[in-house]
C-alpha atoms as a PDB file:
ATOM      1  CA  MET A   1      27.647   3.231  -4.292  1.00  0.00           C
ATOM      2  CA  LEU A   2      23.957   3.554  -4.977  1.00  0.00           C
ATOM      3  CA  VAL A   3      22.710   6.608  -6.829  1.00  0.00           C
ATOM      4  CA  TYR A   4      19.019   7.441  -6.743  1.00  0.00           C
ATOM      5  CA  PRO A   5      17.351   9.823  -9.181  1.00  0.00           C
ATOM      6  CA  ILE A   6      15.966  13.066  -7.836  1.00  0.00           C
ATOM      7  CA  ALA A   7      13.892  15.824  -9.368  1.00  0.00           C
ATOM      8  CA  LEU A   8      14.856  19.443  -8.755  1.00  0.00           C
ATOM      9  CA  GLU A   9      12.463  22.303  -9.381  1.00  0.00           C
ATOM     10  CA  ASP A  10      12.341  25.984  -8.585  1.00  0.00           C
ATOM     11  CA  ASP A  11       9.968  26.802  -5.736  1.00  0.00           C
ATOM     12  CA  ASP A  12       9.816  30.559  -5.112  1.00  0.00           C
ATOM     13  CA  GLY A  13      13.599  30.996  -5.001  1.00  0.00           C
ATOM     14  CA  ALA A  14      14.324  27.681  -3.282  1.00  0.00           C
ATOM     15  CA  VAL A  15      15.084  24.371  -4.985  1.00  0.00           C
ATOM     16  CA  LEU A  16      12.511  21.672  -4.190  1.00  0.00           C
ATOM     17  CA  VAL A  17      13.715  18.041  -4.245  1.00  0.00           C
ATOM     18  CA  THR A  18      11.549  14.967  -4.764  1.00  0.00           C
ATOM     19  CA  SER A  19      12.381  11.389  -5.738  1.00  0.00           C
ATOM     20  CA  PRO A  20      10.521   9.060  -8.090  1.00  0.00           C
ATOM     21  CA  ASP A  21      11.746   6.065  -6.083  1.00  0.00           C
ATOM     22  CA  PHE A  22      10.691   7.470  -2.695  1.00  0.00           C
ATOM     23  CA  PRO A  23       7.381   9.366  -2.997  1.00  0.00           C
ATOM     24  CA  GLU A  24       7.617  10.274   0.691  1.00  0.00           C
ATOM     25  CA  LEU A  25      10.846  12.232   0.102  1.00  0.00           C
ATOM     26  CA  THR A  26      10.573  15.997  -0.076  1.00  0.00           C
ATOM     27  CA  THR A  27      13.284  18.442   0.877  1.00  0.00           C
ATOM     28  CA  PHE A  28      14.731  21.697  -0.388  1.00  0.00           C
ATOM     29  CA  GLY A  29      17.820  23.848  -0.555  1.00  0.00           C
ATOM     30  CA  GLU A  30      18.622  27.465  -1.209  1.00  0.00           C
ATOM     31  CA  ASP A  31      20.519  26.425  -4.350  1.00  0.00           C
ATOM     32  CA  ARG A  32      21.091  23.282  -6.404  1.00  0.00           C
ATOM     33  CA  GLU A  33      24.198  22.188  -4.450  1.00  0.00           C
ATOM     34  CA  GLU A  34      22.473  22.482  -1.081  1.00  0.00           C
ATOM     35  CA  ALA A  35      19.352  20.756  -2.424  1.00  0.00           C
ATOM     36  CA  VAL A  36      21.361  17.732  -3.608  1.00  0.00           C
ATOM     37  CA  ALA A  37      23.209  17.546  -0.262  1.00  0.00           C
ATOM     38  CA  ARG A  38      19.904  17.621   1.601  1.00  0.00           C
ATOM     39  CA  ALA A  39      18.535  14.982  -0.768  1.00  0.00           C
ATOM     40  CA  VAL A  40      21.195  12.537   0.446  1.00  0.00           C
ATOM     41  CA  ASP A  41      20.145  13.082   4.070  1.00  0.00           C
ATOM     42  CA  ALA A  42      16.471  12.762   3.127  1.00  0.00           C
ATOM     43  CA  LEU A  43      17.182   9.538   1.218  1.00  0.00           C
ATOM     44  CA  GLU A  44      18.934   8.056   4.234  1.00  0.00           C
ATOM     45  CA  GLU A  45      15.958   8.965   6.430  1.00  0.00           C
ATOM     46  CA  ALA A  46      13.484   7.450   3.953  1.00  0.00           C
ATOM     47  CA  ILE A  47      15.556   4.273   3.708  1.00  0.00           C
ATOM     48  CA  ALA A  48      15.895   4.011   7.502  1.00  0.00           C
ATOM     49  CA  ALA A  49      12.127   4.365   7.880  1.00  0.00           C
ATOM     50  CA  ARG A  50      11.472   1.675   5.274  1.00  0.00           C
ATOM     51  CA  ILE A  51      13.934  -0.751   6.853  1.00  0.00           C
ATOM     52  CA  HIS A  52      12.419  -0.113  10.292  1.00  0.00           C
ATOM     53  CA  ALA A  53       8.932  -0.772   8.890  1.00  0.00           C
ATOM     54  CA  ARG A  54      10.245  -3.824   6.981  1.00  0.00           C
ATOM     55  CA  ASP A  55       9.104  -2.263   3.712  1.00  0.00           C
ATOM     56  CA  GLU A  56      10.778  -2.544   0.336  1.00  0.00           C
ATOM     57  CA  VAL A  57      13.768  -0.351  -0.444  1.00  0.00           C
ATOM     58  CA  PRO A  58      13.683  -0.108  -4.241  1.00  0.00           C
ATOM     59  CA  LYS A  59      16.626  -0.453  -6.540  1.00  0.00           C
ATOM     60  CA  PRO A  60      17.511   2.910  -8.109  1.00  0.00           C
ATOM     61  CA  SER A  61      15.594   3.790 -11.247  1.00  0.00           C
ATOM     62  CA  LYS A  62      16.842   5.852 -14.163  1.00  0.00           C
ATOM     63  CA  GLY A  63      17.007   9.620 -14.161  1.00  0.00           C
ATOM     64  CA  LYS A  64      19.056  12.651 -15.119  1.00  0.00           C
ATOM     65  CA  VAL A  65      19.955  14.094 -11.700  1.00  0.00           C
ATOM     66  CA  PHE A  66      21.110  11.859  -8.874  1.00  0.00           C
ATOM     67  CA  ALA A  67      21.867  11.812  -5.171  1.00  0.00           C
ATOM     68  CA  THR A  68      24.681   9.421  -4.242  1.00  0.00           C
ATOM     69  CA  LEU A  69      24.360   7.495  -1.005  1.00  0.00           C
ATOM     70  CA  PRO A  70      27.451   7.124   1.192  1.00  0.00           C
ATOM     71  CA  SER A  71      29.271   3.818   0.699  1.00  0.00           C
ATOM     72  CA  LEU A  72      28.306   2.343   4.067  1.00  0.00           C
ATOM     73  CA  THR A  73      24.633   3.215   3.575  1.00  0.00           C
ATOM     74  CA  SER A  74      24.779   1.608   0.125  1.00  0.00           C
ATOM     75  CA  VAL A  75      26.178  -1.626   1.578  1.00  0.00           C
ATOM     76  CA  LYS A  76      23.465  -1.669   4.262  1.00  0.00           C
ATOM     77  CA  VAL A  77      20.778  -1.202   1.599  1.00  0.00           C
ATOM     78  CA  LEU A  78      22.248  -4.014  -0.494  1.00  0.00           C
ATOM     79  CA  LEU A  79      22.305  -6.301   2.561  1.00  0.00           C
ATOM     80  CA  TYR A  80      18.682  -5.474   3.355  1.00  0.00           C
ATOM     81  CA  GLN A  81      17.581  -5.978  -0.251  1.00  0.00           C
ATOM     82  CA  GLY A  82      19.408  -9.320  -0.401  1.00  0.00           C
ATOM     83  CA  MET A  83      17.791 -10.479   2.817  1.00  0.00           C
ATOM     84  CA  ARG A  84      14.327  -9.569   1.492  1.00  0.00           C
ATOM     85  CA  GLU A  85      14.949 -11.240  -1.881  1.00  0.00           C
ATOM     86  CA  GLN A  86      15.921 -14.478  -0.120  1.00  0.00           C
ATOM     87  CA  GLY A  87      13.301 -14.317   2.634  1.00  0.00           C
ATOM     88  CA  ILE A  88      15.975 -14.083   5.338  1.00  0.00           C
ATOM     89  CA  GLY A  89      14.817 -12.317   8.486  1.00  0.00           C
ATOM     90  CA  LYS A  90      16.927 -10.732  11.187  1.00  0.00           C
ATOM     91  CA  ALA A  91      16.669 -13.782  13.449  1.00  0.00           C
ATOM     92  CA  GLU A  92      17.923 -16.066  10.677  1.00  0.00           C
ATOM     93  CA  LEU A  93      20.799 -13.709   9.876  1.00  0.00           C
ATOM     94  CA  ALA A  94      21.730 -13.607  13.569  1.00  0.00           C
ATOM     95  CA  ARG A  95      21.679 -17.418  13.682  1.00  0.00           C
ATOM     96  CA  ARG A  96      23.886 -17.697  10.582  1.00  0.00           C
ATOM     97  CA  LEU A  97      26.392 -15.225  12.001  1.00  0.00           C
ATOM     98  CA  GLY A  98      26.303 -16.379  15.623  1.00  0.00           C
ATOM     99  CA  TRP A  99      25.334 -12.837  16.603  1.00  0.00           C
ATOM    100  CA  HIS A 100      22.750 -11.417  18.973  1.00  0.00           C
ATOM    101  CA  LEU A 101      19.777  -9.569  17.428  1.00  0.00           C
ATOM    102  CA  PRO A 102      21.029  -6.111  18.497  1.00  0.00           C
ATOM    103  CA  GLN A 103      24.166  -6.709  16.403  1.00  0.00           C
ATOM    104  CA  VAL A 104      22.019  -7.464  13.360  1.00  0.00           C
ATOM    105  CA  ASP A 105      19.910  -4.374  14.066  1.00  0.00           C
ATOM    106  CA  ARG A 106      23.078  -2.276  14.008  1.00  0.00           C
ATOM    107  CA  VAL A 107      24.325  -3.584  10.645  1.00  0.00           C
ATOM    108  CA  LEU A 108      20.943  -2.632   9.170  1.00  0.00           C
ATOM    109  CA  ASP A 109      20.810   0.769  10.889  1.00  0.00           C
ATOM    110  CA  VAL A 110      21.909   3.429   8.378  1.00  0.00           C
ATOM    111  CA  GLU A 111      22.830   5.762  11.244  1.00  0.00           C
ATOM    112  CA  HIS A 112      25.178   3.250  12.897  1.00  0.00           C
ATOM    113  CA  HIS A 113      28.801   3.309  11.773  1.00  0.00           C
ATOM    114  CA  SER A 114      29.263  -0.426  11.250  1.00  0.00           C
ATOM    115  CA  ARG A 115      32.703  -1.785  10.519  1.00  0.00           C
ATOM    116  CA  LEU A 116      33.418  -3.066   7.042  1.00  0.00           C
ATOM    117  CA  ASP A 117      34.344  -6.529   8.341  1.00  0.00           C
ATOM    118  CA  GLN A 118      30.875  -6.776   9.935  1.00  0.00           C
ATOM    119  CA  MET A 119      29.237  -5.837   6.644  1.00  0.00           C
ATOM    120  CA  ASP A 120      31.398  -8.399   4.803  1.00  0.00           C
ATOM    121  CA  ALA A 121      30.360 -11.097   7.283  1.00  0.00           C
ATOM    122  CA  ALA A 122      26.664 -10.220   7.004  1.00  0.00           C
ATOM    123  CA  LEU A 123      26.766 -10.229   3.206  1.00  0.00           C
ATOM    124  CA  SER A 124      28.639 -13.528   3.225  1.00  0.00           C
ATOM    125  CA  ALA A 125      25.955 -15.013   5.488  1.00  0.00           C
ATOM    126  CA  ILE A 126      23.381 -14.413   2.734  1.00  0.00           C
ATOM    127  CA  GLY A 127      25.701 -15.738   0.036  1.00  0.00           C
ATOM    128  CA  TRP A 128      26.902 -12.365  -1.271  1.00  0.00           C
ATOM    129  CA  ARG A 129      30.332 -10.800  -1.557  1.00  0.00           C
ATOM    130  CA  LEU A 130      31.174  -7.120  -1.508  1.00  0.00           C
ATOM    131  CA  ASP A 131      33.280  -6.092  -4.501  1.00  0.00           C
ATOM    132  CA  VAL A 132      35.046  -2.752  -4.186  1.00  0.00           C
ATOM    133  CA  ASN A 133      36.509  -0.581  -6.904  1.00  0.00           C
ATOM    134  CA  ALA A 134      37.507   3.048  -7.150  1.00  0.00           C
ATOM    135  CA  THR A 135      36.884   5.321 -10.091  1.00  0.00           C
ATOM    136  CA  ARG A 136      38.671   8.565 -10.833  1.00  0.00           C
ATOM    137  CA  VAL A 137      36.262  11.483 -11.000  1.00  0.00           C
ATOM    138  CA  ALA A 138      36.704  14.617 -13.035  1.00  0.00           C
ATOM    139  CA  GLU A 139      38.004  17.568 -11.076  1.00  0.00           C
ATOM    140  CA  SER A 140      35.359  20.199 -10.486  1.00  0.00           C
ATOM    141  CA  GLY A 141      36.088  23.777 -11.444  1.00  0.00           C
ATOM    142  CA  SER A 142      38.423  22.834 -14.292  1.00  0.00           C
END
């Protein structure tokens, strides 16, 4: 999963969230937990807007506090970044996959719930493979 750094600061009792990687991102929460949850939604919106505009979606930079993108959104970002790095447009990806353009639009749409096999196929079409692993996380409240 991709984790992007965020900055949290007190703003008259609310917690303001910004991101060094996405200057357009600003959101808030009543407390730290809500602010981080809203940051994930705001990140997905910023990423969707950049993909729609065919702008760069940066790789995550370093930081101390992070917002973790959902797995499917992370895979879509990686696909988009790989396509841009290789100069592969949507039409070329559709040709390689034997898909229609609307199908390619959906695998790049962070709001669409694409199937994992579709994401695997799209990544394979640009010469990438999705590697999956699970990591045990510490229990909260212990």
